[in-house]
């Protein structure tokens, strides 16, 4: 049932957002050198790697680390990238990942291929058995403000209480968080003006 809903909803959303996808793609291309889509290896269900898609918000050559861990003074984020990240519009291409079966709408956010500590903690908690999601329980409870242990705490809580109603609650909460850009950190400055929570 979840897979059927994933396919149908992602197809509908891709059709609805297709004009915006074209506009965003043009803006990304005009704003900086490099491809429109950012493709990165992420950790999926049962710790298998998959190709993860986003609109590119970083300059070519940016280190492969989570956003909160790099030096924001280096200017890695592009001008259009800041807007896309704050609004979470950069996440729309993950609808492709959902269609492919790599991801679902609600689940633990897919870790970077080199986030070994997070991978280990999630595996111990059994969270690795879930498909990663575009949003999740950890996302609406702090997002970038959470360390690996707290992310896994919320992910495990989701695993134990998983249901359609819980998913709907997370999706609604996500919409409100996105509108307010809550929990977003750019460049590891948790006490800077770049944090909105």
C-alpha atoms as a PDB file:
ATOM      1  CA  UNK A   1       0.000   0.000   0.000  1.00  0.00           C
ATOM      2  CA  UNK A   2       2.803   2.432   0.904  1.00  0.00           C
ATOM      3  CA  UNK A   3       4.642   1.699  -2.319  1.00  0.00           C
ATOM      4  CA  UNK A   4       1.504   2.243  -4.404  1.00  0.00           C
ATOM      5  CA  UNK A   5       0.847   5.564  -2.662  1.00  0.00           C
ATOM      6  CA  UNK A   6       4.500   6.580  -3.143  1.00  0.00           C
ATOM      7  CA  UNK A   7       4.365   5.940  -6.898  1.00  0.00           C
ATOM      8  CA  UNK A   8       0.992   7.601  -7.489  1.00  0.00           C
ATOM      9  CA  UNK A   9       1.685  10.657  -5.320  1.00  0.00           C
ATOM     10  CA  UNK A  10       5.205  11.218  -6.663  1.00  0.00           C
ATOM     11  CA  UNK A  11       3.923  11.022 -10.262  1.00  0.00           C
ATOM     12  CA  UNK A  12       1.157  13.535  -9.531  1.00  0.00           C
ATOM     13  CA  UNK A  13       3.569  15.892  -7.762  1.00  0.00           C
ATOM     14  CA  UNK A  14       6.104  15.671 -10.592  1.00  0.00           C
ATOM     15  CA  UNK A  15       3.393  16.626 -13.083  1.00  0.00           C
ATOM     16  CA  UNK A  16       2.160  19.512 -10.927  1.00  0.00           C
ATOM     17  CA  UNK A  17       5.629  20.872 -10.190  1.00  0.00           C
ATOM     18  CA  UNK A  18       7.102  20.349 -13.683  1.00  0.00           C
ATOM     19  CA  UNK A  19       6.875  24.075 -14.639  1.00  0.00           C
ATOM     20  CA  UNK A  20       8.643  25.020 -11.401  1.00  0.00           C
ATOM     21  CA  UNK A  21      11.282  22.336 -11.997  1.00  0.00           C
ATOM     22  CA  UNK A  22      12.127  23.901 -15.354  1.00  0.00           C
ATOM     23  CA  UNK A  23      12.293  27.422 -13.892  1.00  0.00           C
ATOM     24  CA  UNK A  24      14.437  26.311 -10.933  1.00  0.00           C
ATOM     25  CA  UNK A  25      16.726  24.377 -13.279  1.00  0.00           C
ATOM     26  CA  UNK A  26      17.299  27.473 -15.420  1.00  0.00           C
ATOM     27  CA  UNK A  27      18.004  29.616 -12.342  1.00  0.00           C
ATOM     28  CA  UNK A  28      20.491  27.072 -10.975  1.00  0.00           C
ATOM     29  CA  UNK A  29      22.288  26.900 -14.333  1.00  0.00           C
ATOM     30  CA  UNK A  30      22.489  30.679 -14.726  1.00  0.00           C
ATOM     31  CA  UNK A  31      23.579  31.220 -11.125  1.00  0.00           C
ATOM     32  CA  UNK A  32      26.763  29.139 -11.156  1.00  0.00           C
ATOM     33  CA  UNK A  33      28.858  26.740 -13.194  1.00  0.00           C
ATOM     34  CA  UNK A  34      28.081  23.044 -13.006  1.00  0.00           C
ATOM     35  CA  UNK A  35      25.168  20.645 -13.475  1.00  0.00           C
ATOM     36  CA  UNK A  36      21.579  21.466 -12.519  1.00  0.00           C
ATOM     37  CA  UNK A  37      21.156  18.360 -10.385  1.00  0.00           C
ATOM     38  CA  UNK A  38      23.420  17.376  -7.533  1.00  0.00           C
ATOM     39  CA  UNK A  39      23.943  13.608  -7.448  1.00  0.00           C
ATOM     40  CA  UNK A  40      25.474  12.023  -4.373  1.00  0.00           C
ATOM     41  CA  UNK A  41      25.774   8.523  -2.951  1.00  0.00           C
ATOM     42  CA  UNK A  42      23.597   8.135   0.140  1.00  0.00           C
ATOM     43  CA  UNK A  43      22.901   5.269   2.527  1.00  0.00           C
ATOM     44  CA  UNK A  44      19.567   3.596   1.862  1.00  0.00           C
ATOM     45  CA  UNK A  45      17.556   0.690   3.204  1.00  0.00           C
ATOM     46  CA  UNK A  46      19.703  -2.074   4.723  1.00  0.00           C
ATOM     47  CA  UNK A  47      22.712   0.266   4.327  1.00  0.00           C
ATOM     48  CA  UNK A  48      22.796  -0.110   0.547  1.00  0.00           C
ATOM     49  CA  UNK A  49      24.092   2.929  -1.331  1.00  0.00           C
ATOM     50  CA  UNK A  50      21.944   4.718  -3.897  1.00  0.00           C
ATOM     51  CA  UNK A  51      22.172   7.817  -6.082  1.00  0.00           C
ATOM     52  CA  UNK A  52      20.438  10.712  -4.333  1.00  0.00           C
ATOM     53  CA  UNK A  53      19.114  13.700  -6.318  1.00  0.00           C
ATOM     54  CA  UNK A  54      18.734  17.352  -5.361  1.00  0.00           C
ATOM     55  CA  UNK A  55      18.904  20.664  -7.164  1.00  0.00           C
ATOM     56  CA  UNK A  56      22.514  21.830  -6.879  1.00  0.00           C
ATOM     57  CA  UNK A  57      22.846  24.531  -4.230  1.00  0.00           C
ATOM     58  CA  UNK A  58      26.627  24.329  -3.744  1.00  0.00           C
ATOM     59  CA  UNK A  59      29.520  25.333  -5.934  1.00  0.00           C
ATOM     60  CA  UNK A  60      31.365  22.600  -7.784  1.00  0.00           C
ATOM     61  CA  UNK A  61      34.179  21.246  -5.588  1.00  0.00           C
ATOM     62  CA  UNK A  62      32.385  21.635  -2.260  1.00  0.00           C
ATOM     63  CA  UNK A  63      33.551  18.987   0.292  1.00  0.00           C
ATOM     64  CA  UNK A  64      31.302  15.948   0.775  1.00  0.00           C
ATOM     65  CA  UNK A  65      30.288  16.619   4.372  1.00  0.00           C
ATOM     66  CA  UNK A  66      26.957  17.416   6.008  1.00  0.00           C
ATOM     67  CA  UNK A  67      26.058  21.093   5.696  1.00  0.00           C
ATOM     68  CA  UNK A  68      26.427  21.932   9.369  1.00  0.00           C
ATOM     69  CA  UNK A  69      30.049  20.719   9.391  1.00  0.00           C
ATOM     70  CA  UNK A  70      31.680  22.930   6.780  1.00  0.00           C
ATOM     71  CA  UNK A  71      32.981  26.469   7.115  1.00  0.00           C
ATOM     72  CA  UNK A  72      30.310  28.902   5.897  1.00  0.00           C
ATOM     73  CA  UNK A  73      32.965  31.594   5.371  1.00  0.00           C
ATOM     74  CA  UNK A  74      34.241  29.649   2.340  1.00  0.00           C
ATOM     75  CA  UNK A  75      31.173  30.652   0.320  1.00  0.00           C
ATOM     76  CA  UNK A  76      30.254  27.162  -0.827  1.00  0.00           C
ATOM     77  CA  UNK A  77      26.528  27.906  -1.140  1.00  0.00           C
ATOM     78  CA  UNK A  78      25.407  29.667  -4.316  1.00  0.00           C
ATOM     79  CA  UNK A  79      23.117  32.704  -4.301  1.00  0.00           C
ATOM     80  CA  UNK A  80      20.116  30.753  -5.551  1.00  0.00           C
ATOM     81  CA  UNK A  81      21.175  27.845  -3.333  1.00  0.00           C
ATOM     82  CA  UNK A  82      20.464  29.771  -0.145  1.00  0.00           C
ATOM     83  CA  UNK A  83      16.875  30.394  -1.221  1.00  0.00           C
ATOM     84  CA  UNK A  84      16.381  26.829  -2.405  1.00  0.00           C
ATOM     85  CA  UNK A  85      17.726  25.388   0.831  1.00  0.00           C
ATOM     86  CA  UNK A  86      15.725  27.697   3.105  1.00  0.00           C
ATOM     87  CA  UNK A  87      12.525  26.854   1.224  1.00  0.00           C
ATOM     88  CA  UNK A  88      13.482  23.159   0.762  1.00  0.00           C
ATOM     89  CA  UNK A  89      12.742  23.476  -2.965  1.00  0.00           C
ATOM     90  CA  UNK A  90      16.090  21.796  -3.617  1.00  0.00           C
ATOM     91  CA  UNK A  91      14.526  18.563  -2.345  1.00  0.00           C
ATOM     92  CA  UNK A  92      11.924  18.250  -5.151  1.00  0.00           C
ATOM     93  CA  UNK A  93      14.098  15.977  -7.375  1.00  0.00           C
ATOM     94  CA  UNK A  94      13.887  13.346  -4.624  1.00  0.00           C
ATOM     95  CA  UNK A  95      10.507  12.525  -6.148  1.00  0.00           C
ATOM     96  CA  UNK A  96      12.633  10.672  -8.714  1.00  0.00           C
ATOM     97  CA  UNK A  97      14.197   8.657  -5.881  1.00  0.00           C
ATOM     98  CA  UNK A  98      10.711   7.792  -4.629  1.00  0.00           C
ATOM     99  CA  UNK A  99       9.636   6.618  -8.092  1.00  0.00           C
ATOM    100  CA  UNK A 100      12.754   4.453  -8.307  1.00  0.00           C
ATOM    101  CA  UNK A 101      12.015   2.903  -4.908  1.00  0.00           C
ATOM    102  CA  UNK A 102      15.151   4.261  -3.225  1.00  0.00           C
ATOM    103  CA  UNK A 103      13.148   6.497  -0.893  1.00  0.00           C
ATOM    104  CA  UNK A 104       9.673   7.126   0.483  1.00  0.00           C
ATOM    105  CA  UNK A 105       7.923  10.307   1.611  1.00  0.00           C
ATOM    106  CA  UNK A 106       8.376   9.717   5.350  1.00  0.00           C
ATOM    107  CA  UNK A 107      11.326   7.954   6.934  1.00  0.00           C
ATOM    108  CA  UNK A 108      14.806   8.658   8.329  1.00  0.00           C
ATOM    109  CA  UNK A 109      16.740  11.131   6.196  1.00  0.00           C
ATOM    110  CA  UNK A 110      19.355   9.307   4.087  1.00  0.00           C
ATOM    111  CA  UNK A 111      22.832   9.699   5.547  1.00  0.00           C
ATOM    112  CA  UNK A 112      25.832  10.666   3.436  1.00  0.00           C
ATOM    113  CA  UNK A 113      27.962   7.728   2.319  1.00  0.00           C
ATOM    114  CA  UNK A 114      30.723   8.884   4.698  1.00  0.00           C
ATOM    115  CA  UNK A 115      28.598   9.459   7.814  1.00  0.00           C
ATOM    116  CA  UNK A 116      29.929   6.266   9.359  1.00  0.00           C
ATOM    117  CA  UNK A 117      29.014   7.069  12.965  1.00  0.00           C
ATOM    118  CA  UNK A 118      25.391   7.816  12.097  1.00  0.00           C
ATOM    119  CA  UNK A 119      25.272   4.637  10.011  1.00  0.00           C
ATOM    120  CA  UNK A 120      26.561   2.571  12.935  1.00  0.00           C
ATOM    121  CA  UNK A 121      24.143   4.078  15.470  1.00  0.00           C
ATOM    122  CA  UNK A 122      21.164   3.623  13.163  1.00  0.00           C
ATOM    123  CA  UNK A 123      22.137   0.014  12.406  1.00  0.00           C
ATOM    124  CA  UNK A 124      22.336  -0.794  16.113  1.00  0.00           C
ATOM    125  CA  UNK A 125      18.856   0.706  16.600  1.00  0.00           C
ATOM    126  CA  UNK A 126      17.408  -1.157  13.602  1.00  0.00           C
ATOM    127  CA  UNK A 127      16.596   2.079  11.768  1.00  0.00           C
ATOM    128  CA  UNK A 128      18.591   0.919   8.725  1.00  0.00           C
ATOM    129  CA  UNK A 129      15.716  -1.460   7.884  1.00  0.00           C
ATOM    130  CA  UNK A 130      13.535   1.497   6.847  1.00  0.00           C
ATOM    131  CA  UNK A 131      13.481   3.224   3.497  1.00  0.00           C
ATOM    132  CA  UNK A 132      14.903   6.742   3.894  1.00  0.00           C
ATOM    133  CA  UNK A 133      12.423   9.581   3.551  1.00  0.00           C
ATOM    134  CA  UNK A 134      12.162  13.063   2.104  1.00  0.00           C
ATOM    135  CA  UNK A 135      11.091  14.061   5.606  1.00  0.00           C
ATOM    136  CA  UNK A 136      10.954  12.289   8.929  1.00  0.00           C
ATOM    137  CA  UNK A 137      10.293  12.468  12.657  1.00  0.00           C
ATOM    138  CA  UNK A 138      13.825  13.748  13.308  1.00  0.00           C
ATOM    139  CA  UNK A 139      13.354  16.408  10.628  1.00  0.00           C
ATOM    140  CA  UNK A 140      10.376  17.957  12.402  1.00  0.00           C
ATOM    141  CA  UNK A 141      12.067  17.724  15.798  1.00  0.00           C
ATOM    142  CA  UNK A 142      15.196  19.733  15.102  1.00  0.00           C
ATOM    143  CA  UNK A 143      16.596  18.845  11.683  1.00  0.00           C
ATOM    144  CA  UNK A 144      20.198  20.168  11.485  1.00  0.00           C
ATOM    145  CA  UNK A 145      20.176  21.103  15.168  1.00  0.00           C
ATOM    146  CA  UNK A 146      20.254  17.439  16.220  1.00  0.00           C
ATOM    147  CA  UNK A 147      23.409  15.403  16.689  1.00  0.00           C
ATOM    148  CA  UNK A 148      23.630  11.825  15.394  1.00  0.00           C
ATOM    149  CA  UNK A 149      22.380  10.305  18.657  1.00  0.00           C
ATOM    150  CA  UNK A 150      19.298  12.520  18.800  1.00  0.00           C
ATOM    151  CA  UNK A 151      18.526  11.947  15.114  1.00  0.00           C
ATOM    152  CA  UNK A 152      18.624   8.203  15.743  1.00  0.00           C
ATOM    153  CA  UNK A 153      16.487   8.574  18.884  1.00  0.00           C
ATOM    154  CA  UNK A 154      13.686  10.151  16.844  1.00  0.00           C
ATOM    155  CA  UNK A 155      14.197   7.744  13.942  1.00  0.00           C
ATOM    156  CA  UNK A 156      13.885   4.775  16.317  1.00  0.00           C
ATOM    157  CA  UNK A 157      10.765   6.302  17.855  1.00  0.00           C
ATOM    158  CA  UNK A 158       9.309   6.544  14.355  1.00  0.00           C
ATOM    159  CA  UNK A 159      10.232   2.906  13.655  1.00  0.00           C
ATOM    160  CA  UNK A 160       8.362   1.749  16.769  1.00  0.00           C
ATOM    161  CA  UNK A 161       5.261   3.872  16.128  1.00  0.00           C
ATOM    162  CA  UNK A 162       5.100   3.812  12.341  1.00  0.00           C
ATOM    163  CA  UNK A 163       1.625   4.218  10.852  1.00  0.00           C
ATOM    164  CA  UNK A 164      -0.210   6.092   8.104  1.00  0.00           C
ATOM    165  CA  UNK A 165      -1.608   8.550  10.663  1.00  0.00           C
ATOM    166  CA  UNK A 166       1.877   9.177  12.071  1.00  0.00           C
ATOM    167  CA  UNK A 167       3.148   9.773   8.535  1.00  0.00           C
ATOM    168  CA  UNK A 168       0.365  12.299   7.910  1.00  0.00           C
ATOM    169  CA  UNK A 169       1.232  14.128  11.140  1.00  0.00           C
ATOM    170  CA  UNK A 170       4.898  14.340  10.087  1.00  0.00           C
ATOM    171  CA  UNK A 171       3.957  15.623   6.613  1.00  0.00           C
ATOM    172  CA  UNK A 172       1.734  18.349   8.113  1.00  0.00           C
ATOM    173  CA  UNK A 173       4.426  19.287  10.655  1.00  0.00           C
ATOM    174  CA  UNK A 174       6.988  19.389   7.831  1.00  0.00           C
ATOM    175  CA  UNK A 175       4.874  21.851   5.855  1.00  0.00           C
ATOM    176  CA  UNK A 176       4.794  24.256   8.813  1.00  0.00           C
ATOM    177  CA  UNK A 177       8.529  23.830   9.490  1.00  0.00           C
ATOM    178  CA  UNK A 178       9.381  24.490   5.830  1.00  0.00           C
ATOM    179  CA  UNK A 179       7.291  27.664   5.780  1.00  0.00           C
ATOM    180  CA  UNK A 180       9.262  28.928   8.780  1.00  0.00           C
ATOM    181  CA  UNK A 181      12.617  27.386   7.688  1.00  0.00           C
ATOM    182  CA  UNK A 182      12.926  25.855  11.152  1.00  0.00           C
ATOM    183  CA  UNK A 183      15.995  23.828  12.078  1.00  0.00           C
ATOM    184  CA  UNK A 184      18.088  24.845   9.054  1.00  0.00           C
ATOM    185  CA  UNK A 185      21.807  25.373   9.643  1.00  0.00           C
ATOM    186  CA  UNK A 186      24.148  26.648   6.966  1.00  0.00           C
ATOM    187  CA  UNK A 187      27.826  26.117   7.596  1.00  0.00           C
ATOM    188  CA  UNK A 188      27.826  24.796  11.127  1.00  0.00           C
ATOM    189  CA  UNK A 189      27.022  28.051  12.930  1.00  0.00           C
ATOM    190  CA  UNK A 190      24.403  26.977  15.430  1.00  0.00           C
ATOM    191  CA  UNK A 191      24.556  30.326  17.180  1.00  0.00           C
ATOM    192  CA  UNK A 192      24.674  32.503  14.096  1.00  0.00           C
ATOM    193  CA  UNK A 193      22.050  34.391  12.131  1.00  0.00           C
ATOM    194  CA  UNK A 194      22.132  31.568   9.624  1.00  0.00           C
ATOM    195  CA  UNK A 195      20.206  29.373  12.034  1.00  0.00           C
ATOM    196  CA  UNK A 196      16.445  29.665  11.842  1.00  0.00           C
ATOM    197  CA  UNK A 197      14.591  27.756  14.532  1.00  0.00           C
END
